Amino acid sequence: MLNTFLVFAVIVSSMGLYWSTTRKMFQRVQSLERDLQRISDVVGQLAEIQMRSYQKSSVRLENMDERIMELSVPSQDSSLPLERRHQVLALARQGVGLEDIVQRLKAPVGEAELILNLRKYMGGESSPAGKMDGQVKQYA
């Protein structure tokens, strides 16, 4: 009878320890889940802030690039006037094809191709000028 009581006491004690440990682990998991959710929210907010900052910077840089092009004065001794370059690039941004650009500006085809290829080479492909890849010859 004493042995049975001792076995019963050990079982009850073990069950109490099991439930106590299980409850503590469950509480810890819940706490970790809350912490993870808070971290996730903060990271999401930081990503949104960075995205807005990037977009503002991109717009500012594009506006500065356009303004610089507007303020550029063509050189008297240049064989490639900046005005022509600006006109070619402006038409290309509007999606005008190479042949139409050449006709509208009465410019040599090679000159227009060179302007567009230089723009592409210098990393200015963010504009619709990149749509004309099949029309512009690549010079290496």
C-alpha atoms as a PDB file:
ATOM      1  CA  MET A   1       0.000   0.000   0.000  1.00  0.00           C
ATOM      2  CA  LEU A   2       2.864   2.343   0.793  1.00  0.00           C
ATOM      3  CA  ASN A   3       4.498   1.471  -2.517  1.00  0.00           C
ATOM      4  CA  THR A   4       1.293   2.245  -4.362  1.00  0.00           C
ATOM      5  CA  PHE A   5       1.014   5.546  -2.595  1.00  0.00           C
ATOM      6  CA  LEU A   6       4.639   6.403  -3.432  1.00  0.00           C
ATOM      7  CA  VAL A   7       4.114   5.472  -7.093  1.00  0.00           C
ATOM      8  CA  PHE A   8       0.946   7.574  -7.172  1.00  0.00           C
ATOM      9  CA  ALA A   9       2.792  10.524  -5.563  1.00  0.00           C
ATOM     10  CA  VAL A  10       5.638  10.249  -8.096  1.00  0.00           C
ATOM     11  CA  ILE A  11       3.152  10.128 -10.976  1.00  0.00           C
ATOM     12  CA  VAL A  12       1.230  13.155  -9.688  1.00  0.00           C
ATOM     13  CA  SER A  13       4.472  15.034  -9.096  1.00  0.00           C
ATOM     14  CA  SER A  14       5.718  14.146 -12.583  1.00  0.00           C
ATOM     15  CA  MET A  15       2.447  15.253 -14.137  1.00  0.00           C
ATOM     16  CA  GLY A  16       2.628  18.553 -12.265  1.00  0.00           C
ATOM     17  CA  LEU A  17       6.187  19.101 -13.434  1.00  0.00           C
ATOM     18  CA  TYR A  18       5.187  18.158 -17.011  1.00  0.00           C
ATOM     19  CA  TRP A  19       2.253  20.592 -17.043  1.00  0.00           C
ATOM     20  CA  SER A  20       4.331  23.343 -15.452  1.00  0.00           C
ATOM     21  CA  THR A  21       7.113  22.882 -18.001  1.00  0.00           C
ATOM     22  CA  THR A  22       4.632  22.657 -20.870  1.00  0.00           C
ATOM     23  CA  ARG A  23       2.866  25.835 -19.717  1.00  0.00           C
ATOM     24  CA  LYS A  24       6.195  27.702 -19.443  1.00  0.00           C
ATOM     25  CA  MET A  25       7.245  26.548 -22.914  1.00  0.00           C
ATOM     26  CA  PHE A  26       3.878  27.575 -24.352  1.00  0.00           C
ATOM     27  CA  GLN A  27       4.186  31.021 -22.727  1.00  0.00           C
ATOM     28  CA  ARG A  28       7.735  31.367 -24.071  1.00  0.00           C
ATOM     29  CA  VAL A  29       6.599  30.422 -27.593  1.00  0.00           C
ATOM     30  CA  GLN A  30       3.812  33.009 -27.394  1.00  0.00           C
ATOM     31  CA  SER A  31       6.295  35.626 -26.210  1.00  0.00           C
ATOM     32  CA  LEU A  32       8.675  34.781 -29.061  1.00  0.00           C
ATOM     33  CA  GLU A  33       5.827  34.965 -31.584  1.00  0.00           C
ATOM     34  CA  ARG A  34       4.877  38.447 -30.309  1.00  0.00           C
ATOM     35  CA  ASP A  35       8.513  39.568 -30.499  1.00  0.00           C
ATOM     36  CA  LEU A  36       8.800  38.179 -34.022  1.00  0.00           C
ATOM     37  CA  GLN A  37       5.633  40.001 -35.079  1.00  0.00           C
ATOM     38  CA  ARG A  38       6.970  43.294 -33.668  1.00  0.00           C
ATOM     39  CA  ILE A  39      10.279  42.806 -35.471  1.00  0.00           C
ATOM     40  CA  SER A  40       8.449  41.985 -38.687  1.00  0.00           C
ATOM     41  CA  ASP A  41       6.342  45.145 -38.365  1.00  0.00           C
ATOM     42  CA  VAL A  42       9.430  47.308 -37.786  1.00  0.00           C
ATOM     43  CA  VAL A  43      11.268  45.759 -40.740  1.00  0.00           C
ATOM     44  CA  GLY A  44       8.209  46.375 -42.930  1.00  0.00           C
ATOM     45  CA  GLN A  45       8.098  50.015 -41.836  1.00  0.00           C
ATOM     46  CA  LEU A  46      11.809  50.425 -42.537  1.00  0.00           C
ATOM     47  CA  ALA A  47      11.379  48.902 -45.992  1.00  0.00           C
ATOM     48  CA  GLU A  48       8.545  51.340 -46.761  1.00  0.00           C
ATOM     49  CA  ILE A  49      10.658  54.286 -45.588  1.00  0.00           C
ATOM     50  CA  GLN A  50      13.576  53.147 -47.737  1.00  0.00           C
ATOM     51  CA  MET A  51      11.319  52.659 -50.757  1.00  0.00           C
ATOM     52  CA  ARG A  52       9.815  56.149 -50.423  1.00  0.00           C
ATOM     53  CA  SER A  53      13.289  57.629 -49.986  1.00  0.00           C
ATOM     54  CA  TYR A  54      14.547  55.770 -53.068  1.00  0.00           C
ATOM     55  CA  GLN A  55      11.574  56.929 -55.133  1.00  0.00           C
ATOM     56  CA  LYS A  56      12.060  60.550 -54.076  1.00  0.00           C
ATOM     57  CA  SER A  57      15.771  60.362 -54.865  1.00  0.00           C
ATOM     58  CA  SER A  58      15.098  58.787 -58.248  1.00  0.00           C
ATOM     59  CA  VAL A  59      12.622  61.498 -59.176  1.00  0.00           C
ATOM     60  CA  ARG A  60      15.037  64.200 -58.033  1.00  0.00           C
ATOM     61  CA  LEU A  61      17.866  62.701 -60.078  1.00  0.00           C
ATOM     62  CA  GLU A  62      15.668  62.432 -63.167  1.00  0.00           C
ATOM     63  CA  ASN A  63      14.553  66.028 -62.717  1.00  0.00           C
ATOM     64  CA  MET A  64      18.149  67.157 -62.279  1.00  0.00           C
ATOM     65  CA  ASP A  65      19.198  65.267 -65.399  1.00  0.00           C
ATOM     66  CA  GLU A  66      16.418  66.895 -67.410  1.00  0.00           C
ATOM     67  CA  ARG A  67      17.243  70.318 -66.003  1.00  0.00           C
ATOM     68  CA  ILE A  68      20.934  69.902 -66.828  1.00  0.00           C
ATOM     69  CA  MET A  69      19.982  68.964 -70.382  1.00  0.00           C
ATOM     70  CA  GLU A  70      17.757  72.048 -70.619  1.00  0.00           C
ATOM     71  CA  LEU A  71      20.487  74.361 -69.357  1.00  0.00           C
ATOM     72  CA  SER A  72      23.272  72.921 -71.502  1.00  0.00           C
ATOM     73  CA  VAL A  73      24.604  75.313 -74.072  1.00  0.00           C
ATOM     74  CA  PRO A  74      25.785  73.840 -77.361  1.00  0.00           C
ATOM     75  CA  SER A  75      29.476  74.236 -78.071  1.00  0.00           C
ATOM     76  CA  GLN A  76      30.384  76.299 -81.146  1.00  0.00           C
ATOM     77  CA  ASP A  77      33.206  73.999 -82.244  1.00  0.00           C
ATOM     78  CA  SER A  78      31.429  70.708 -81.446  1.00  0.00           C
ATOM     79  CA  SER A  79      30.642  68.388 -84.329  1.00  0.00           C
ATOM     80  CA  LEU A  80      27.767  66.942 -82.268  1.00  0.00           C
ATOM     81  CA  PRO A  81      25.670  69.842 -80.930  1.00  0.00           C
ATOM     82  CA  LEU A  82      24.022  69.248 -77.604  1.00  0.00           C
ATOM     83  CA  GLU A  83      20.721  70.531 -78.974  1.00  0.00           C
ATOM     84  CA  ARG A  84      20.635  67.683 -81.501  1.00  0.00           C
ATOM     85  CA  ARG A  85      21.494  65.179 -78.813  1.00  0.00           C
ATOM     86  CA  HIS A  86      18.713  66.509 -76.597  1.00  0.00           C
ATOM     87  CA  GLN A  87      16.240  66.382 -79.457  1.00  0.00           C
ATOM     88  CA  VAL A  88      17.157  62.795 -80.343  1.00  0.00           C
ATOM     89  CA  LEU A  89      16.922  61.673 -76.713  1.00  0.00           C
ATOM     90  CA  ALA A  90      13.659  63.528 -76.129  1.00  0.00           C
ATOM     91  CA  LEU A  91      12.050  61.889 -79.155  1.00  0.00           C
ATOM     92  CA  ALA A  92      13.401  58.479 -78.136  1.00  0.00           C
ATOM     93  CA  ARG A  93      11.884  58.921 -74.653  1.00  0.00           C
ATOM     94  CA  GLN A  94       8.539  59.554 -76.314  1.00  0.00           C
ATOM     95  CA  GLY A  95       8.865  56.207 -78.072  1.00  0.00           C
ATOM     96  CA  VAL A  96       9.609  57.610 -81.530  1.00  0.00           C
ATOM     97  CA  GLY A  97      11.486  55.129 -83.728  1.00  0.00           C
ATOM     98  CA  LEU A  98      14.953  55.705 -85.156  1.00  0.00           C
ATOM     99  CA  GLU A  99      13.731  56.287 -88.714  1.00  0.00           C
ATOM    100  CA  ASP A 100      11.171  58.871 -87.570  1.00  0.00           C
ATOM    101  CA  ILE A 101      13.782  60.652 -85.453  1.00  0.00           C
ATOM    102  CA  VAL A 102      16.130  60.872 -88.437  1.00  0.00           C
ATOM    103  CA  GLN A 103      13.345  62.209 -90.668  1.00  0.00           C
ATOM    104  CA  ARG A 104      12.034  64.740 -88.168  1.00  0.00           C
ATOM    105  CA  LEU A 105      15.450  66.176 -87.313  1.00  0.00           C
ATOM    106  CA  LYS A 106      16.973  65.719 -90.757  1.00  0.00           C
ATOM    107  CA  ALA A 107      19.931  64.101 -89.024  1.00  0.00           C
ATOM    108  CA  PRO A 108      22.249  61.423 -90.370  1.00  0.00           C
ATOM    109  CA  VAL A 109      21.247  57.900 -89.304  1.00  0.00           C
ATOM    110  CA  GLY A 110      24.719  57.191 -87.901  1.00  0.00           C
ATOM    111  CA  GLU A 111      24.587  60.275 -85.696  1.00  0.00           C
ATOM    112  CA  ALA A 112      21.213  59.339 -84.226  1.00  0.00           C
ATOM    113  CA  GLU A 113      22.358  55.740 -83.692  1.00  0.00           C
ATOM    114  CA  LEU A 114      25.500  56.962 -81.979  1.00  0.00           C
ATOM    115  CA  ILE A 115      23.536  59.224 -79.640  1.00  0.00           C
ATOM    116  CA  LEU A 116      21.138  56.429 -78.691  1.00  0.00           C
ATOM    117  CA  ASN A 117      23.913  53.871 -78.242  1.00  0.00           C
ATOM    118  CA  LEU A 118      25.906  56.272 -76.077  1.00  0.00           C
ATOM    119  CA  ARG A 119      22.847  56.896 -73.934  1.00  0.00           C
ATOM    120  CA  LYS A 120      22.360  53.141 -73.584  1.00  0.00           C
ATOM    121  CA  TYR A 121      26.060  52.595 -72.847  1.00  0.00           C
ATOM    122  CA  MET A 122      26.121  55.331 -70.195  1.00  0.00           C
ATOM    123  CA  GLY A 123      23.243  53.674 -68.329  1.00  0.00           C
ATOM    124  CA  GLY A 124      20.428  55.926 -69.456  1.00  0.00           C
ATOM    125  CA  GLU A 125      18.252  53.000 -70.501  1.00  0.00           C
ATOM    126  CA  SER A 126      15.570  53.824 -67.935  1.00  0.00           C
ATOM    127  CA  SER A 127      13.641  55.642 -70.646  1.00  0.00           C
ATOM    128  CA  PRO A 128      11.565  54.145 -73.471  1.00  0.00           C
ATOM    129  CA  ALA A 129      14.586  54.608 -75.763  1.00  0.00           C
ATOM    130  CA  GLY A 130      15.398  51.024 -74.831  1.00  0.00           C
ATOM    131  CA  LYS A 131      12.382  49.973 -76.933  1.00  0.00           C
ATOM    132  CA  MET A 132      14.406  50.550 -80.077  1.00  0.00           C
ATOM    133  CA  ASP A 133      16.971  47.794 -79.424  1.00  0.00           C
ATOM    134  CA  GLY A 134      16.084  45.996 -82.606  1.00  0.00           C
ATOM    135  CA  GLN A 135      16.466  49.160 -84.677  1.00  0.00           C
ATOM    136  CA  VAL A 136      19.776  50.477 -83.400  1.00  0.00           C
ATOM    137  CA  LYS A 137      23.018  48.869 -84.538  1.00  0.00           C
ATOM    138  CA  GLN A 138      25.489  47.912 -81.859  1.00  0.00           C
ATOM    139  CA  TYR A 139      29.019  49.236 -82.283  1.00  0.00           C
ATOM    140  CA  ALA A 140      31.781  47.558 -80.306  1.00  0.00           C
END
